[in-house]
PDB file of N, CA and C in Angstrom:
ATOM      1  N   MET A   1      -5.892 -84.505  61.700  1.00  0.00           N
ATOM      2  CA  MET A   1      -5.317 -83.191  61.519  1.00  0.00           C
ATOM      3  C   MET A   1      -5.191 -82.545  62.895  1.00  0.00           C
ATOM      4  N   SER A   2      -4.040 -81.970  63.155  1.00  0.00           N
ATOM      5  CA  SER A   2      -3.820 -81.348  64.457  1.00  0.00           C
ATOM      6  C   SER A   2      -4.626 -80.056  64.587  1.00  0.00           C
ATOM      7  N   VAL A   3      -4.841 -79.643  65.804  1.00  0.00           N
ATOM      8  CA  VAL A   3      -5.609 -78.423  66.064  1.00  0.00           C
ATOM      9  C   VAL A   3      -4.887 -77.204  65.493  1.00  0.00           C
ATOM     10  N   ALA A   4      -3.581 -77.149  65.626  1.00  0.00           N
ATOM     11  CA  ALA A   4      -2.817 -76.010  65.100  1.00  0.00           C
ATOM     12  C   ALA A   4      -2.918 -75.942  63.584  1.00  0.00           C
ATOM     13  N   ARG A   5      -2.835 -77.076  62.944  1.00  0.00           N
ATOM     14  CA  ARG A   5      -2.930 -77.112  61.478  1.00  0.00           C
ATOM     15  C   ARG A   5      -4.331 -76.708  61.015  1.00  0.00           C
ATOM     16  N   TRP A   6      -5.340 -77.204  61.686  1.00  0.00           N
ATOM     17  CA  TRP A   6      -6.719 -76.868  61.345  1.00  0.00           C
ATOM     18  C   TRP A   6      -6.965 -75.378  61.538  1.00  0.00           C
ATOM     19  N   THR A   7      -6.474 -74.813  62.639  1.00  0.00           N
ATOM     20  CA  THR A   7      -6.641 -73.385  62.918  1.00  0.00           C
ATOM     21  C   THR A   7      -5.953 -72.540  61.850  1.00  0.00           C
ATOM     22  N   ALA A   8      -4.744 -72.925  61.477  1.00  0.00           N
ATOM     23  CA  ALA A   8      -4.028 -72.195  60.427  1.00  0.00           C
ATOM     24  C   ALA A   8      -4.788 -72.263  59.107  1.00  0.00           C
ATOM     25  N   ARG A   9      -5.338 -73.417  58.795  1.00  0.00           N
ATOM     26  CA  ARG A   9      -6.081 -73.580  57.540  1.00  0.00           C
ATOM     27  C   ARG A   9      -7.335 -72.709  57.519  1.00  0.00           C
ATOM     28  N   VAL A  10      -8.055 -72.680  58.620  1.00  0.00           N
ATOM     29  CA  VAL A  10      -9.270 -71.872  58.704  1.00  0.00           C
ATOM     30  C   VAL A  10      -8.935 -70.385  58.599  1.00  0.00           C
ATOM     31  N   LEU A  11      -7.890 -69.961  59.300  1.00  0.00           N
ATOM     32  CA  LEU A  11      -7.514 -68.550  59.252  1.00  0.00           C
ATOM     33  C   LEU A  11      -7.036 -68.143  57.865  1.00  0.00           C
ATOM     34  N   MET A  12      -6.198 -68.954  57.252  1.00  0.00           N
ATOM     35  CA  MET A  12      -5.695 -68.630  55.911  1.00  0.00           C
ATOM     36  C   MET A  12      -6.835 -68.603  54.894  1.00  0.00           C
ATOM     37  N   GLY A  13      -7.639 -69.647  54.886  1.00  0.00           N
ATOM     38  CA  GLY A  13      -8.729 -69.721  53.923  1.00  0.00           C
ATOM     39  C   GLY A  13      -9.826 -68.721  54.198  1.00  0.00           C
ATOM     40  N   GLY A  14     -10.207 -68.633  55.453  1.00  0.00           N
ATOM     41  CA  GLY A  14     -11.327 -67.783  55.814  1.00  0.00           C
ATOM     42  C   GLY A  14     -11.041 -66.300  55.684  1.00  0.00           C
ATOM     43  N   LEU A  15      -9.827 -65.900  55.964  1.00  0.00           N
ATOM     44  CA  LEU A  15      -9.508 -64.476  55.923  1.00  0.00           C
ATOM     45  C   LEU A  15      -8.905 -64.041  54.590  1.00  0.00           C
ATOM     46  N   PHE A  16      -7.854 -64.702  54.175  1.00  0.00           N
ATOM     47  CA  PHE A  16      -7.120 -64.241  53.003  1.00  0.00           C
ATOM     48  C   PHE A  16      -7.857 -64.509  51.698  1.00  0.00           C
ATOM     49  N   PHE A  17      -8.262 -65.751  51.470  1.00  0.00           N
ATOM     50  CA  PHE A  17      -8.877 -66.067  50.190  1.00  0.00           C
ATOM     51  C   PHE A  17     -10.289 -65.512  50.074  1.00  0.00           C
ATOM     52  N   PHE A  18     -11.028 -65.471  51.169  1.00  0.00           N
ATOM     53  CA  PHE A  18     -12.365 -64.872  51.135  1.00  0.00           C
ATOM     54  C   PHE A  18     -12.253 -63.391  50.781  1.00  0.00           C
ATOM     55  N   GLY A  19     -11.328 -62.701  51.410  1.00  0.00           N
ATOM     56  CA  GLY A  19     -11.118 -61.286  51.106  1.00  0.00           C
ATOM     57  C   GLY A  19     -10.685 -61.075  49.668  1.00  0.00           C
ATOM     58  N   HIS A  20      -9.819 -61.936  49.175  1.00  0.00           N
ATOM     59  CA  HIS A  20      -9.342 -61.832  47.798  1.00  0.00           C
ATOM     60  C   HIS A  20     -10.484 -62.050  46.804  1.00  0.00           C
ATOM     61  N   GLY A  21     -11.318 -63.039  47.070  1.00  0.00           N
ATOM     62  CA  GLY A  21     -12.444 -63.323  46.181  1.00  0.00           C
ATOM     63  C   GLY A  21     -13.488 -62.213  46.185  1.00  0.00           C
ATOM     64  N   THR A  22     -13.785 -61.651  47.358  1.00  0.00           N
ATOM     65  CA  THR A  22     -14.768 -60.570  47.412  1.00  0.00           C
ATOM     66  C   THR A  22     -14.229 -59.289  46.797  1.00  0.00           C
ATOM     67  N   GLN A  23     -12.923 -59.111  46.774  1.00  0.00           N
ATOM     68  CA  GLN A  23     -12.350 -57.977  46.043  1.00  0.00           C
ATOM     69  C   GLN A  23     -12.652 -58.126  44.554  1.00  0.00           C
ATOM     70  N   LYS A  24     -12.503 -59.318  44.030  1.00  0.00           N
ATOM     71  CA  LYS A  24     -12.760 -59.562  42.614  1.00  0.00           C
ATOM     72  C   LYS A  24     -14.239 -59.442  42.267  1.00  0.00           C
ATOM     73  N   LEU A  25     -15.112 -59.950  43.132  1.00  0.00           N
ATOM     74  CA  LEU A  25     -16.535 -59.987  42.813  1.00  0.00           C
ATOM     75  C   LEU A  25     -17.272 -58.695  43.150  1.00  0.00           C
ATOM     76  N   GLU A  26     -17.046 -58.176  44.348  1.00  0.00           N
ATOM     77  CA  GLU A  26     -17.860 -57.075  44.858  1.00  0.00           C
ATOM     78  C   GLU A  26     -17.110 -55.765  45.022  1.00  0.00           C
ATOM     79  N   GLY A  27     -15.794 -55.800  44.927  1.00  0.00           N
ATOM     80  CA  GLY A  27     -15.029 -54.584  45.137  1.00  0.00           C
ATOM     81  C   GLY A  27     -14.826 -54.246  46.600  1.00  0.00           C
ATOM     82  N   TRP A  28     -15.046 -55.216  47.482  1.00  0.00           N
ATOM     83  CA  TRP A  28     -14.844 -54.979  48.912  1.00  0.00           C
ATOM     84  C   TRP A  28     -13.360 -54.811  49.201  1.00  0.00           C
ATOM     85  N   PHE A  29     -13.053 -54.186  50.309  1.00  0.00           N
ATOM     86  CA  PHE A  29     -11.677 -54.012  50.787  1.00  0.00           C
ATOM     87  C   PHE A  29     -10.801 -53.310  49.749  1.00  0.00           C
ATOM     88  N   GLY A  30     -11.378 -52.399  48.988  1.00  0.00           N
ATOM     89  CA  GLY A  30     -10.606 -51.632  48.010  1.00  0.00           C
ATOM     90  C   GLY A  30     -10.305 -52.374  46.724  1.00  0.00           C
ATOM     91  N   GLY A  31     -11.020 -53.449  46.453  1.00  0.00           N
ATOM     92  CA  GLY A  31     -10.773 -54.226  45.239  1.00  0.00           C
ATOM     93  C   GLY A  31     -11.433 -53.615  44.015  1.00  0.00           C
ATOM     94  N   PRO A  32     -11.123 -54.155  42.836  1.00  0.00           N
ATOM     95  CA  PRO A  32     -11.624 -53.578  41.591  1.00  0.00           C
ATOM     96  C   PRO A  32     -13.066 -53.940  41.254  1.00  0.00           C
ATOM     97  N   GLY A  33     -13.620 -54.953  41.866  1.00  0.00           N
ATOM     98  CA  GLY A  33     -14.961 -55.410  41.504  1.00  0.00           C
ATOM     99  C   GLY A  33     -14.932 -56.144  40.174  1.00  0.00           C
ATOM    100  N   LEU A  34     -16.097 -56.516  39.687  1.00  0.00           N
ATOM    101  CA  LEU A  34     -16.160 -57.276  38.434  1.00  0.00           C
ATOM    102  C   LEU A  34     -15.683 -56.468  37.230  1.00  0.00           C
ATOM    103  N   GLU A  35     -15.964 -55.174  37.209  1.00  0.00           N
ATOM    104  CA  GLU A  35     -15.541 -54.369  36.067  1.00  0.00           C
ATOM    105  C   GLU A  35     -14.020 -54.316  35.967  1.00  0.00           C
ATOM    106  N   GLY A  36     -13.357 -54.108  37.095  1.00  0.00           N
ATOM    107  CA  GLY A  36     -11.902 -54.080  37.102  1.00  0.00           C
ATOM    108  C   GLY A  36     -11.292 -55.434  36.792  1.00  0.00           C
ATOM    109  N   THR A  37     -11.926 -56.479  37.307  1.00  0.00           N
ATOM    110  CA  THR A  37     -11.441 -57.829  37.037  1.00  0.00           C
ATOM    111  C   THR A  37     -11.657 -58.169  35.567  1.00  0.00           C
ATOM    112  N   ASP A  38     -12.781 -57.719  34.994  1.00  0.00           N
ATOM    113  CA  ASP A  38     -13.015 -57.904  33.555  1.00  0.00           C
ATOM    114  C   ASP A  38     -11.922 -57.228  32.740  1.00  0.00           C
ATOM    115  N   ALA A  39     -11.560 -56.011  33.103  1.00  0.00           N
ATOM    116  CA  ALA A  39     -10.519 -55.273  32.376  1.00  0.00           C
ATOM    117  C   ALA A  39      -9.189 -56.015  32.449  1.00  0.00           C
ATOM    118  N   MET A  40      -8.874 -56.583  33.628  1.00  0.00           N
ATOM    119  CA  MET A  40      -7.631 -57.345  33.762  1.00  0.00           C
ATOM    120  C   MET A  40      -7.671 -58.591  32.883  1.00  0.00           C
ATOM    121  N   MET A  41      -8.809 -59.283  32.876  1.00  0.00           N
ATOM    122  CA  MET A  41      -8.930 -60.487  32.058  1.00  0.00           C
ATOM    123  C   MET A  41      -8.805 -60.161  30.577  1.00  0.00           C
ATOM    124  N   GLN A  42      -9.386 -59.045  30.150  1.00  0.00           N
ATOM    125  CA  GLN A  42      -9.265 -58.635  28.747  1.00  0.00           C
ATOM    126  C   GLN A  42      -7.829 -58.274  28.411  1.00  0.00           C
ATOM    127  N   ALA A  43      -7.132 -57.610  29.336  1.00  0.00           N
ATOM    128  CA  ALA A  43      -5.731 -57.248  29.103  1.00  0.00           C
ATOM    129  C   ALA A  43      -4.857 -58.495  28.982  1.00  0.00           C
ATOM    130  N   LEU A  44      -5.254 -59.572  29.651  1.00  0.00           N
ATOM    131  CA  LEU A  44      -4.509 -60.833  29.580  1.00  0.00           C
ATOM    132  C   LEU A  44      -5.002 -61.730  28.451  1.00  0.00           C
ATOM    133  N   ASP A  45      -5.934 -61.236  27.625  1.00  0.00           N
ATOM    134  CA  ASP A  45      -6.536 -61.995  26.516  1.00  0.00           C
ATOM    135  C   ASP A  45      -7.196 -63.280  26.987  1.00  0.00           C
ATOM    136  N   MET A  46      -7.871 -63.199  28.118  1.00  0.00           N
ATOM    137  CA  MET A  46      -8.621 -64.344  28.636  1.00  0.00           C
ATOM    138  C   MET A  46     -10.098 -64.118  28.305  1.00  0.00           C
ATOM    139  N   HIS A  47     -10.546 -64.738  27.229  1.00  0.00           N
ATOM    140  CA  HIS A  47     -11.903 -64.524  26.746  1.00  0.00           C
ATOM    141  C   HIS A  47     -12.745 -65.768  26.998  1.00  0.00           C
ATOM    142  N   PRO A  48     -14.001 -65.635  27.343  1.00  0.00           N
ATOM    143  CA  PRO A  48     -14.754 -64.416  27.644  1.00  0.00           C
ATOM    144  C   PRO A  48     -14.365 -63.859  29.020  1.00  0.00           C
ATOM    145  N   ALA A  49     -14.157 -62.575  29.053  1.00  0.00           N
ATOM    146  CA  ALA A  49     -13.643 -61.923  30.260  1.00  0.00           C
ATOM    147  C   ALA A  49     -14.611 -62.033  31.439  1.00  0.00           C
ATOM    148  N   ARG A  50     -15.895 -61.803  31.221  1.00  0.00           N
ATOM    149  CA  ARG A  50     -16.857 -61.826  32.326  1.00  0.00           C
ATOM    150  C   ARG A  50     -16.938 -63.214  32.951  1.00  0.00           C
ATOM    151  N   ARG A  51     -16.997 -64.232  32.137  1.00  0.00           N
ATOM    152  CA  ARG A  51     -17.082 -65.594  32.657  1.00  0.00           C
ATOM    153  C   ARG A  51     -15.828 -65.944  33.463  1.00  0.00           C
ATOM    154  N   ASN A  52     -14.667 -65.552  32.981  1.00  0.00           N
ATOM    155  CA  ASN A  52     -13.428 -65.819  33.706  1.00  0.00           C
ATOM    156  C   ASN A  52     -13.349 -65.007  34.997  1.00  0.00           C
ATOM    157  N   SER A  53     -13.861 -63.788  34.984  1.00  0.00           N
ATOM    158  CA  SER A  53     -13.859 -62.953  36.188  1.00  0.00           C
ATOM    159  C   SER A  53     -14.736 -63.550  37.277  1.00  0.00           C
ATOM    160  N   VAL A  54     -15.917 -63.961  36.888  1.00  0.00           N
ATOM    161  CA  VAL A  54     -16.836 -64.570  37.856  1.00  0.00           C
ATOM    162  C   VAL A  54     -16.254 -65.878  38.388  1.00  0.00           C
ATOM    163  N   ALA A  55     -15.688 -66.686  37.506  1.00  0.00           N
ATOM    164  CA  ALA A  55     -15.097 -67.953  37.935  1.00  0.00           C
ATOM    165  C   ALA A  55     -13.949 -67.714  38.918  1.00  0.00           C
ATOM    166  N   ALA A  56     -13.100 -66.736  38.631  1.00  0.00           N
ATOM    167  CA  ALA A  56     -11.971 -66.448  39.523  1.00  0.00           C
ATOM    168  C   ALA A  56     -12.465 -66.027  40.903  1.00  0.00           C
ATOM    169  N   GLY A  57     -13.473 -65.170  40.946  1.00  0.00           N
ATOM    170  CA  GLY A  57     -13.998 -64.723  42.230  1.00  0.00           C
ATOM    171  C   GLY A  57     -14.704 -65.822  42.990  1.00  0.00           C
ATOM    172  N   VAL A  58     -15.532 -66.583  42.293  1.00  0.00           N
ATOM    173  CA  VAL A  58     -16.304 -67.643  42.944  1.00  0.00           C
ATOM    174  C   VAL A  58     -15.384 -68.735  43.483  1.00  0.00           C
ATOM    175  N   PHE A  59     -14.370 -69.107  42.712  1.00  0.00           N
ATOM    176  CA  PHE A  59     -13.481 -70.174  43.168  1.00  0.00           C
ATOM    177  C   PHE A  59     -12.530 -69.720  44.266  1.00  0.00           C
ATOM    178  N   CYS A  60     -12.470 -68.421  44.535  1.00  0.00           N
ATOM    179  CA  CYS A  60     -11.749 -67.945  45.720  1.00  0.00           C
ATOM    180  C   CYS A  60     -12.660 -67.938  46.947  1.00  0.00           C
ATOM    181  N   VAL A  61     -13.936 -67.627  46.753  1.00  0.00           N
ATOM    182  CA  VAL A  61     -14.859 -67.466  47.888  1.00  0.00           C
ATOM    183  C   VAL A  61     -15.487 -68.783  48.321  1.00  0.00           C
ATOM    184  N   VAL A  62     -16.022 -69.561  47.401  1.00  0.00           N
ATOM    185  CA  VAL A  62     -16.808 -70.742  47.753  1.00  0.00           C
ATOM    186  C   VAL A  62     -16.008 -71.816  48.495  1.00  0.00           C
ATOM    187  N   PRO A  63     -14.823 -72.205  48.055  1.00  0.00           N
ATOM    188  CA  PRO A  63     -14.111 -73.248  48.819  1.00  0.00           C
ATOM    189  C   PRO A  63     -13.798 -72.829  50.238  1.00  0.00           C
ATOM    190  N   ASP A  64     -13.600 -71.543  50.491  1.00  0.00           N
ATOM    191  CA  ASP A  64     -13.303 -71.078  51.838  1.00  0.00           C
ATOM    192  C   ASP A  64     -14.486 -71.264  52.772  1.00  0.00           C
ATOM    193  N   GLN A  65     -15.680 -71.212  52.253  1.00  0.00           N
ATOM    194  CA  GLN A  65     -16.850 -71.373  53.083  1.00  0.00           C
ATOM    195  C   GLN A  65     -17.108 -72.842  53.400  1.00  0.00           C
ATOM    196  N   GLN A  66     -16.435 -73.747  52.718  1.00  0.00           N
ATOM    197  CA  GLN A  66     -16.621 -75.172  52.955  1.00  0.00           C
ATOM    198  C   GLN A  66     -15.643 -75.722  53.986  1.00  0.00           C
ATOM    199  N   LEU A  67     -14.744 -74.872  54.498  1.00  0.00           N
ATOM    200  CA  LEU A  67     -13.821 -75.347  55.527  1.00  0.00           C
ATOM    201  C   LEU A  67     -14.602 -75.646  56.777  1.00  0.00           C
TER     202      LEU A  67
END
């Protein structure tokens, strides 16, 4: 993997997806937090809402830390 490609991957994953996941889980950066994410999941009829909310947040944050 080239250095430019690796750098782009780290920046995209480390900044964008980490921020997106923490918005869902913790409400950082003006995000809704788990309560807001639960409400969105319920509005989309994705049951159980809490389990889907946690999964969405975790799968945005955890893979980014493995880069």
